[in-house]
Amino acid sequence: MQTLSGHRLLCIDEFELDDPGDTVLVSSLLGKLVESGVALAATSNTLPGKLGEGRFAAADFLREIQGLSAHFRPLRIDGEDYRHRGLPEAPAPYSDQVVTETAYATPGASLDDFPHLLEHLAKVHPSRYGALTDDLGAVCLTDVQPVPDQSTALRLVVLADRLYDREIPVLASGLPFDRLFSDEMLNGGYRKKYFRAISRLTALARDAKGLVAQ
């Protein structure tokens, strides 16, 4: 609060709420910032009054959601999501051998077995995922498989965002990234997050093609 209250404007990209704890915390924080004179601007695929819908017991936190909504004047920009315009299918995965050889040949590249990576992410707070990716030249993954559950999937979404922010190419074997999440996940309350993760990982996989020796 003290750090942010010194600014005139706080801009938030991809503003979403995933659980009740976040809703109460963010509602309180933004309310105090507005009282101190900080202006707010945010982008979101969800209207302020619909935050959290389909993800948790939003009706039980209606007061907080309405309080958040009161701080914003929605400006809708209609049209097709640019990430879905003409995007090619996820690149075909490489063999384990190609991924491994590329990892050793690429300065700063990491090499991880995908299931083991997911296990490791469960032991690290998502706020530290950015630190995990600092200074990486590429991420090489073997044995990419469908994500087993929603908690794991949401952690992977955060990692995908951090990799995308840093423009780190991702080379993988196993399944293509557009088959990471089940139909149930893609039709649930977090569908926008999962589609964003697929879009971003697909873009990073395209960027990784230049790493592979021809």
C-alpha atoms as a PDB file:
ATOM      1  CA  MET A   1       0.000   0.000   0.000  1.00  0.00           C
ATOM      2  CA  GLN A   2       2.731   2.499   0.934  1.00  0.00           C
ATOM      3  CA  THR A   3       4.657   1.734  -2.261  1.00  0.00           C
ATOM      4  CA  LEU A   4       1.671   2.100  -4.585  1.00  0.00           C
ATOM      5  CA  SER A   5       0.102   5.107  -2.887  1.00  0.00           C
ATOM      6  CA  GLY A   6       2.989   7.282  -4.078  1.00  0.00           C
ATOM      7  CA  HIS A   7       1.882   6.925  -7.696  1.00  0.00           C
ATOM      8  CA  ARG A   8      -0.716   8.968  -9.562  1.00  0.00           C
ATOM      9  CA  LEU A   9      -1.893   6.083 -11.759  1.00  0.00           C
ATOM     10  CA  LEU A  10      -1.936   2.294 -11.296  1.00  0.00           C
ATOM     11  CA  CYS A  11      -2.346   0.272 -14.505  1.00  0.00           C
ATOM     12  CA  ILE A  12      -3.275  -3.411 -14.253  1.00  0.00           C
ATOM     13  CA  ASP A  13      -3.124  -5.732 -17.257  1.00  0.00           C
ATOM     14  CA  GLU A  14      -5.203  -8.939 -17.455  1.00  0.00           C
ATOM     15  CA  PHE A  15      -7.180  -8.064 -14.296  1.00  0.00           C
ATOM     16  CA  GLU A  16      -8.855 -11.242 -13.044  1.00  0.00           C
ATOM     17  CA  LEU A  17      -9.874 -12.744  -9.694  1.00  0.00           C
ATOM     18  CA  ASP A  18      -9.392 -16.441  -9.039  1.00  0.00           C
ATOM     19  CA  ASP A  19     -10.366 -17.016  -5.416  1.00  0.00           C
ATOM     20  CA  PRO A  20     -12.156 -15.386  -2.441  1.00  0.00           C
ATOM     21  CA  GLY A  21      -8.911 -14.438  -0.706  1.00  0.00           C
ATOM     22  CA  ASP A  22      -7.728 -12.458  -3.728  1.00  0.00           C
ATOM     23  CA  THR A  23     -11.110 -10.742  -3.974  1.00  0.00           C
ATOM     24  CA  VAL A  24     -11.079  -9.479  -0.393  1.00  0.00           C
ATOM     25  CA  LEU A  25      -7.409  -8.446  -0.566  1.00  0.00           C
ATOM     26  CA  VAL A  26      -7.649  -6.630  -3.886  1.00  0.00           C
ATOM     27  CA  SER A  27     -10.934  -4.935  -2.954  1.00  0.00           C
ATOM     28  CA  SER A  28      -9.386  -3.547   0.215  1.00  0.00           C
ATOM     29  CA  LEU A  29      -6.153  -2.481  -1.502  1.00  0.00           C
ATOM     30  CA  LEU A  30      -7.760  -0.727  -4.450  1.00  0.00           C
ATOM     31  CA  GLY A  31     -10.287   0.984  -2.193  1.00  0.00           C
ATOM     32  CA  LYS A  32      -7.509   2.476  -0.068  1.00  0.00           C
ATOM     33  CA  LEU A  33      -5.528   3.517  -3.139  1.00  0.00           C
ATOM     34  CA  VAL A  34      -8.529   5.333  -4.592  1.00  0.00           C
ATOM     35  CA  GLU A  35      -9.061   7.098  -1.265  1.00  0.00           C
ATOM     36  CA  SER A  36      -5.445   8.268  -1.361  1.00  0.00           C
ATOM     37  CA  GLY A  37      -5.949   9.765  -4.829  1.00  0.00           C
ATOM     38  CA  VAL A  38      -4.477   7.057  -7.060  1.00  0.00           C
ATOM     39  CA  ALA A  39      -6.267   6.646 -10.394  1.00  0.00           C
ATOM     40  CA  LEU A  40      -6.858   3.124 -11.722  1.00  0.00           C
ATOM     41  CA  ALA A  41      -6.846   1.681 -15.240  1.00  0.00           C
ATOM     42  CA  ALA A  42      -7.169  -2.017 -16.046  1.00  0.00           C
ATOM     43  CA  THR A  43      -7.612  -4.383 -18.956  1.00  0.00           C
ATOM     44  CA  SER A  44      -9.674  -7.529 -18.569  1.00  0.00           C
ATOM     45  CA  ASN A  45     -11.664 -10.031 -20.570  1.00  0.00           C
ATOM     46  CA  THR A  46     -14.293  -9.834 -17.805  1.00  0.00           C
ATOM     47  CA  LEU A  47     -16.520  -6.893 -16.913  1.00  0.00           C
ATOM     48  CA  PRO A  48     -15.884  -5.600 -13.359  1.00  0.00           C
ATOM     49  CA  GLY A  49     -19.218  -6.813 -12.030  1.00  0.00           C
ATOM     50  CA  LYS A  50     -18.572 -10.310 -13.414  1.00  0.00           C
ATOM     51  CA  LEU A  51     -15.181 -10.850 -11.804  1.00  0.00           C
ATOM     52  CA  GLY A  52     -14.823 -14.315 -10.307  1.00  0.00           C
ATOM     53  CA  GLU A  53     -17.946 -15.597 -12.049  1.00  0.00           C
ATOM     54  CA  GLY A  54     -17.794 -19.369 -12.516  1.00  0.00           C
ATOM     55  CA  ARG A  55     -14.589 -19.671 -10.493  1.00  0.00           C
ATOM     56  CA  PHE A  56     -15.608 -19.491  -6.853  1.00  0.00           C
ATOM     57  CA  ALA A  57     -18.671 -18.677  -4.719  1.00  0.00           C
ATOM     58  CA  ALA A  58     -18.834 -15.181  -6.174  1.00  0.00           C
ATOM     59  CA  ALA A  59     -22.320 -14.577  -4.759  1.00  0.00           C
ATOM     60  CA  ASP A  60     -20.867 -14.799  -1.231  1.00  0.00           C
ATOM     61  CA  PHE A  61     -18.404 -12.033  -2.063  1.00  0.00           C
ATOM     62  CA  LEU A  62     -20.806  -9.796  -3.924  1.00  0.00           C
ATOM     63  CA  ARG A  63     -20.065  -6.808  -1.681  1.00  0.00           C
ATOM     64  CA  GLU A  64     -16.353  -6.940  -2.500  1.00  0.00           C
ATOM     65  CA  ILE A  65     -17.023  -7.452  -6.206  1.00  0.00           C
ATOM     66  CA  GLN A  66     -19.473  -4.547  -6.315  1.00  0.00           C
ATOM     67  CA  GLY A  67     -16.967  -2.412  -4.440  1.00  0.00           C
ATOM     68  CA  LEU A  68     -14.318  -3.213  -7.031  1.00  0.00           C
ATOM     69  CA  SER A  69     -16.724  -2.543  -9.874  1.00  0.00           C
ATOM     70  CA  ALA A  70     -17.544   0.900  -8.468  1.00  0.00           C
ATOM     71  CA  HIS A  71     -13.939   2.009  -9.002  1.00  0.00           C
ATOM     72  CA  PHE A  72     -14.115   1.456 -12.771  1.00  0.00           C
ATOM     73  CA  ARG A  73     -16.026   2.862 -15.734  1.00  0.00           C
ATOM     74  CA  PRO A  74     -16.113   0.036 -18.303  1.00  0.00           C
ATOM     75  CA  LEU A  75     -15.010   0.803 -21.843  1.00  0.00           C
ATOM     76  CA  ARG A  76     -15.808  -2.161 -24.066  1.00  0.00           C
ATOM     77  CA  ILE A  77     -13.711  -2.898 -27.128  1.00  0.00           C
ATOM     78  CA  ASP A  78     -15.664  -5.441 -29.123  1.00  0.00           C
ATOM     79  CA  GLY A  79     -14.231  -7.726 -31.740  1.00  0.00           C
ATOM     80  CA  GLU A  80     -12.368 -10.957 -32.125  1.00  0.00           C
ATOM     81  CA  ASP A  81      -9.457 -11.558 -29.769  1.00  0.00           C
ATOM     82  CA  TYR A  82      -6.349 -10.726 -31.841  1.00  0.00           C
ATOM     83  CA  ARG A  83      -4.615 -13.840 -30.447  1.00  0.00           C
ATOM     84  CA  HIS A  84      -7.127 -15.995 -32.302  1.00  0.00           C
ATOM     85  CA  ARG A  85      -6.722 -14.336 -35.697  1.00  0.00           C
ATOM     86  CA  GLY A  86      -4.911 -16.575 -38.087  1.00  0.00           C
ATOM     87  CA  LEU A  87      -2.820 -18.303 -35.446  1.00  0.00           C
ATOM     88  CA  PRO A  88      -1.389 -21.556 -36.782  1.00  0.00           C
ATOM     89  CA  GLU A  89      -1.871 -24.773 -34.904  1.00  0.00           C
ATOM     90  CA  ALA A  90       0.636 -25.534 -32.177  1.00  0.00           C
ATOM     91  CA  PRO A  91       3.901 -26.692 -33.782  1.00  0.00           C
ATOM     92  CA  ALA A  92       4.455 -30.428 -33.899  1.00  0.00           C
ATOM     93  CA  PRO A  93       6.590 -31.579 -30.959  1.00  0.00           C
ATOM     94  CA  TYR A  94      10.169 -32.708 -31.488  1.00  0.00           C
ATOM     95  CA  SER A  95      11.717 -35.974 -30.333  1.00  0.00           C
ATOM     96  CA  ASP A  96      13.286 -36.263 -26.884  1.00  0.00           C
ATOM     97  CA  GLN A  97      16.677 -36.539 -28.576  1.00  0.00           C
ATOM     98  CA  VAL A  98      16.278 -33.308 -30.532  1.00  0.00           C
ATOM     99  CA  VAL A  99      15.049 -31.433 -27.466  1.00  0.00           C
ATOM    100  CA  THR A 100      17.929 -32.729 -25.338  1.00  0.00           C
ATOM    101  CA  GLU A 101      20.603 -32.006 -27.945  1.00  0.00           C
ATOM    102  CA  THR A 102      19.199 -28.511 -28.510  1.00  0.00           C
ATOM    103  CA  ALA A 103      19.211 -27.817 -24.773  1.00  0.00           C
ATOM    104  CA  TYR A 104      22.892 -28.678 -24.496  1.00  0.00           C
ATOM    105  CA  ALA A 105      23.720 -26.637 -27.602  1.00  0.00           C
ATOM    106  CA  THR A 106      21.804 -23.504 -26.516  1.00  0.00           C
ATOM    107  CA  PRO A 107      23.487 -21.130 -24.047  1.00  0.00           C
ATOM    108  CA  GLY A 108      21.373 -20.604 -20.940  1.00  0.00           C
ATOM    109  CA  ALA A 109      18.810 -23.269 -21.857  1.00  0.00           C
ATOM    110  CA  SER A 110      17.052 -25.341 -19.211  1.00  0.00           C
ATOM    111  CA  LEU A 111      16.123 -28.998 -19.721  1.00  0.00           C
ATOM    112  CA  ASP A 112      13.254 -30.525 -17.731  1.00  0.00           C
ATOM    113  CA  ASP A 113      10.981 -33.523 -17.841  1.00  0.00           C
ATOM    114  CA  PHE A 114       7.490 -31.999 -18.006  1.00  0.00           C
ATOM    115  CA  PRO A 115       5.859 -34.088 -15.215  1.00  0.00           C
ATOM    116  CA  HIS A 116       8.813 -33.355 -12.931  1.00  0.00           C
ATOM    117  CA  LEU A 117       8.558 -29.652 -13.749  1.00  0.00           C
ATOM    118  CA  LEU A 118       4.895 -29.649 -12.711  1.00  0.00           C
ATOM    119  CA  GLU A 119       5.830 -31.342  -9.436  1.00  0.00           C
ATOM    120  CA  HIS A 120       8.471 -28.689  -8.798  1.00  0.00           C
ATOM    121  CA  LEU A 121       6.057 -25.838  -9.510  1.00  0.00           C
ATOM    122  CA  ALA A 122       3.813 -27.160  -6.740  1.00  0.00           C
ATOM    123  CA  LYS A 123       6.653 -26.559  -4.259  1.00  0.00           C
ATOM    124  CA  VAL A 124       7.314 -22.951  -5.319  1.00  0.00           C
ATOM    125  CA  HIS A 125       4.971 -20.022  -4.766  1.00  0.00           C
ATOM    126  CA  PRO A 126       3.729 -18.638  -8.100  1.00  0.00           C
ATOM    127  CA  SER A 127       5.119 -15.219  -7.169  1.00  0.00           C
ATOM    128  CA  ARG A 128       8.584 -16.780  -7.549  1.00  0.00           C
ATOM    129  CA  TYR A 129       8.037 -18.198 -11.039  1.00  0.00           C
ATOM    130  CA  GLY A 130       9.527 -15.094 -12.586  1.00  0.00           C
ATOM    131  CA  ALA A 131      12.759 -15.679 -10.688  1.00  0.00           C
ATOM    132  CA  LEU A 132      12.837 -19.254 -12.011  1.00  0.00           C
ATOM    133  CA  THR A 133      12.886 -17.960 -15.566  1.00  0.00           C
ATOM    134  CA  ASP A 134      15.377 -15.118 -15.152  1.00  0.00           C
ATOM    135  CA  ASP A 135      18.463 -15.409 -17.359  1.00  0.00           C
ATOM    136  CA  LEU A 136      17.121 -18.420 -19.303  1.00  0.00           C
ATOM    137  CA  GLY A 137      17.998 -18.562 -22.977  1.00  0.00           C
ATOM    138  CA  ALA A 138      15.376 -21.199 -23.736  1.00  0.00           C
ATOM    139  CA  VAL A 139      13.145 -23.737 -22.007  1.00  0.00           C
ATOM    140  CA  CYS A 140      13.401 -27.319 -23.251  1.00  0.00           C
ATOM    141  CA  LEU A 141      10.773 -29.806 -22.098  1.00  0.00           C
ATOM    142  CA  THR A 142      10.520 -33.542 -22.666  1.00  0.00           C
ATOM    143  CA  ASP A 143       7.431 -35.733 -22.341  1.00  0.00           C
ATOM    144  CA  VAL A 144       4.767 -33.008 -22.371  1.00  0.00           C
ATOM    145  CA  GLN A 145       1.505 -34.577 -21.154  1.00  0.00           C
ATOM    146  CA  PRO A 146      -2.043 -33.405 -20.412  1.00  0.00           C
ATOM    147  CA  VAL A 147      -2.196 -31.402 -17.201  1.00  0.00           C
ATOM    148  CA  PRO A 148      -3.774 -33.652 -14.551  1.00  0.00           C
ATOM    149  CA  ASP A 149      -5.843 -31.202 -12.485  1.00  0.00           C
ATOM    150  CA  GLN A 150      -6.959 -27.598 -12.225  1.00  0.00           C
ATOM    151  CA  SER A 151      -4.511 -26.518  -9.509  1.00  0.00           C
ATOM    152  CA  THR A 152      -1.605 -27.746 -11.615  1.00  0.00           C
ATOM    153  CA  ALA A 153      -3.111 -26.113 -14.708  1.00  0.00           C
ATOM    154  CA  LEU A 154      -3.353 -22.718 -13.030  1.00  0.00           C
ATOM    155  CA  ARG A 155       0.268 -22.923 -11.915  1.00  0.00           C
ATOM    156  CA  LEU A 156       1.253 -23.691 -15.502  1.00  0.00           C
ATOM    157  CA  VAL A 157      -0.714 -20.643 -16.666  1.00  0.00           C
ATOM    158  CA  VAL A 158       1.387 -18.433 -14.396  1.00  0.00           C
ATOM    159  CA  LEU A 159       4.610 -19.986 -15.695  1.00  0.00           C
ATOM    160  CA  ALA A 160       3.469 -19.478 -19.296  1.00  0.00           C
ATOM    161  CA  ASP A 161       2.807 -15.805 -18.550  1.00  0.00           C
ATOM    162  CA  ARG A 162       6.273 -15.326 -17.042  1.00  0.00           C
ATOM    163  CA  LEU A 163       7.936 -17.042 -20.019  1.00  0.00           C
ATOM    164  CA  TYR A 164       5.918 -14.937 -22.455  1.00  0.00           C
ATOM    165  CA  ASP A 165       6.773 -11.720 -20.608  1.00  0.00           C
ATOM    166  CA  ARG A 166      10.460 -12.558 -21.054  1.00  0.00           C
ATOM    167  CA  GLU A 167      10.072 -13.862 -24.640  1.00  0.00           C
ATOM    168  CA  ILE A 168      11.789 -17.150 -23.774  1.00  0.00           C
ATOM    169  CA  PRO A 169      11.419 -19.770 -26.563  1.00  0.00           C
ATOM    170  CA  VAL A 170      10.022 -23.154 -25.529  1.00  0.00           C
ATOM    171  CA  LEU A 171      11.040 -26.380 -27.280  1.00  0.00           C
ATOM    172  CA  ALA A 172       9.160 -29.542 -26.355  1.00  0.00           C
ATOM    173  CA  SER A 173       8.566 -33.218 -27.031  1.00  0.00           C
ATOM    174  CA  GLY A 174       5.391 -35.146 -26.251  1.00  0.00           C
ATOM    175  CA  LEU A 175       2.000 -33.582 -26.915  1.00  0.00           C
ATOM    176  CA  PRO A 176       1.510 -30.244 -28.703  1.00  0.00           C
ATOM    177  CA  PHE A 177       0.556 -27.377 -26.401  1.00  0.00           C
ATOM    178  CA  ASP A 178      -3.007 -27.138 -27.707  1.00  0.00           C
ATOM    179  CA  ARG A 179      -3.697 -30.516 -26.049  1.00  0.00           C
ATOM    180  CA  LEU A 180      -2.506 -29.567 -22.561  1.00  0.00           C
ATOM    181  CA  PHE A 181      -5.919 -28.905 -21.045  1.00  0.00           C
ATOM    182  CA  SER A 182      -8.993 -31.139 -20.962  1.00  0.00           C
ATOM    183  CA  ASP A 183     -12.304 -30.155 -22.564  1.00  0.00           C
ATOM    184  CA  GLU A 184     -13.737 -29.737 -19.068  1.00  0.00           C
ATOM    185  CA  MET A 185     -11.046 -27.197 -18.212  1.00  0.00           C
ATOM    186  CA  LEU A 186     -11.469 -25.343 -21.506  1.00  0.00           C
ATOM    187  CA  ASN A 187     -15.206 -25.030 -20.908  1.00  0.00           C
ATOM    188  CA  GLY A 188     -14.965 -24.055 -17.233  1.00  0.00           C
ATOM    189  CA  GLY A 189     -14.557 -20.819 -15.319  1.00  0.00           C
ATOM    190  CA  TYR A 190     -10.851 -20.511 -16.106  1.00  0.00           C
ATOM    191  CA  ARG A 191     -11.204 -21.087 -19.846  1.00  0.00           C
ATOM    192  CA  LYS A 192      -9.862 -17.633 -20.752  1.00  0.00           C
ATOM    193  CA  LYS A 193      -6.698 -18.288 -18.768  1.00  0.00           C
ATOM    194  CA  TYR A 194      -6.179 -21.680 -20.412  1.00  0.00           C
ATOM    195  CA  PHE A 195      -6.692 -20.341 -23.921  1.00  0.00           C
ATOM    196  CA  ARG A 196      -4.265 -17.524 -23.155  1.00  0.00           C
ATOM    197  CA  ALA A 197      -1.677 -20.033 -21.940  1.00  0.00           C
ATOM    198  CA  ILE A 198      -2.106 -22.144 -25.085  1.00  0.00           C
ATOM    199  CA  SER A 199      -1.763 -19.054 -27.267  1.00  0.00           C
ATOM    200  CA  ARG A 200       1.378 -17.888 -25.486  1.00  0.00           C
ATOM    201  CA  LEU A 201       3.078 -21.286 -25.342  1.00  0.00           C
ATOM    202  CA  THR A 202       2.285 -21.801 -29.022  1.00  0.00           C
ATOM    203  CA  ALA A 203       3.927 -18.481 -29.871  1.00  0.00           C
ATOM    204  CA  LEU A 204       7.001 -19.382 -27.810  1.00  0.00           C
ATOM    205  CA  ALA A 205       7.151 -22.814 -29.466  1.00  0.00           C
ATOM    206  CA  ARG A 206       7.193 -21.128 -32.893  1.00  0.00           C
ATOM    207  CA  ASP A 207      10.033 -18.908 -31.679  1.00  0.00           C
ATOM    208  CA  ALA A 208      12.003 -22.030 -30.674  1.00  0.00           C
ATOM    209  CA  LYS A 209      12.168 -23.407 -34.219  1.00  0.00           C
ATOM    210  CA  GLY A 210      15.266 -21.364 -34.918  1.00  0.00           C
ATOM    211  CA  LEU A 211      17.145 -23.141 -32.134  1.00  0.00           C
ATOM    212  CA  VAL A 212      16.934 -26.554 -33.773  1.00  0.00           C
ATOM    213  CA  ALA A 213      19.881 -27.507 -35.962  1.00  0.00           C
ATOM    214  CA  GLN A 214      18.789 -28.210 -39.513  1.00  0.00           C
END
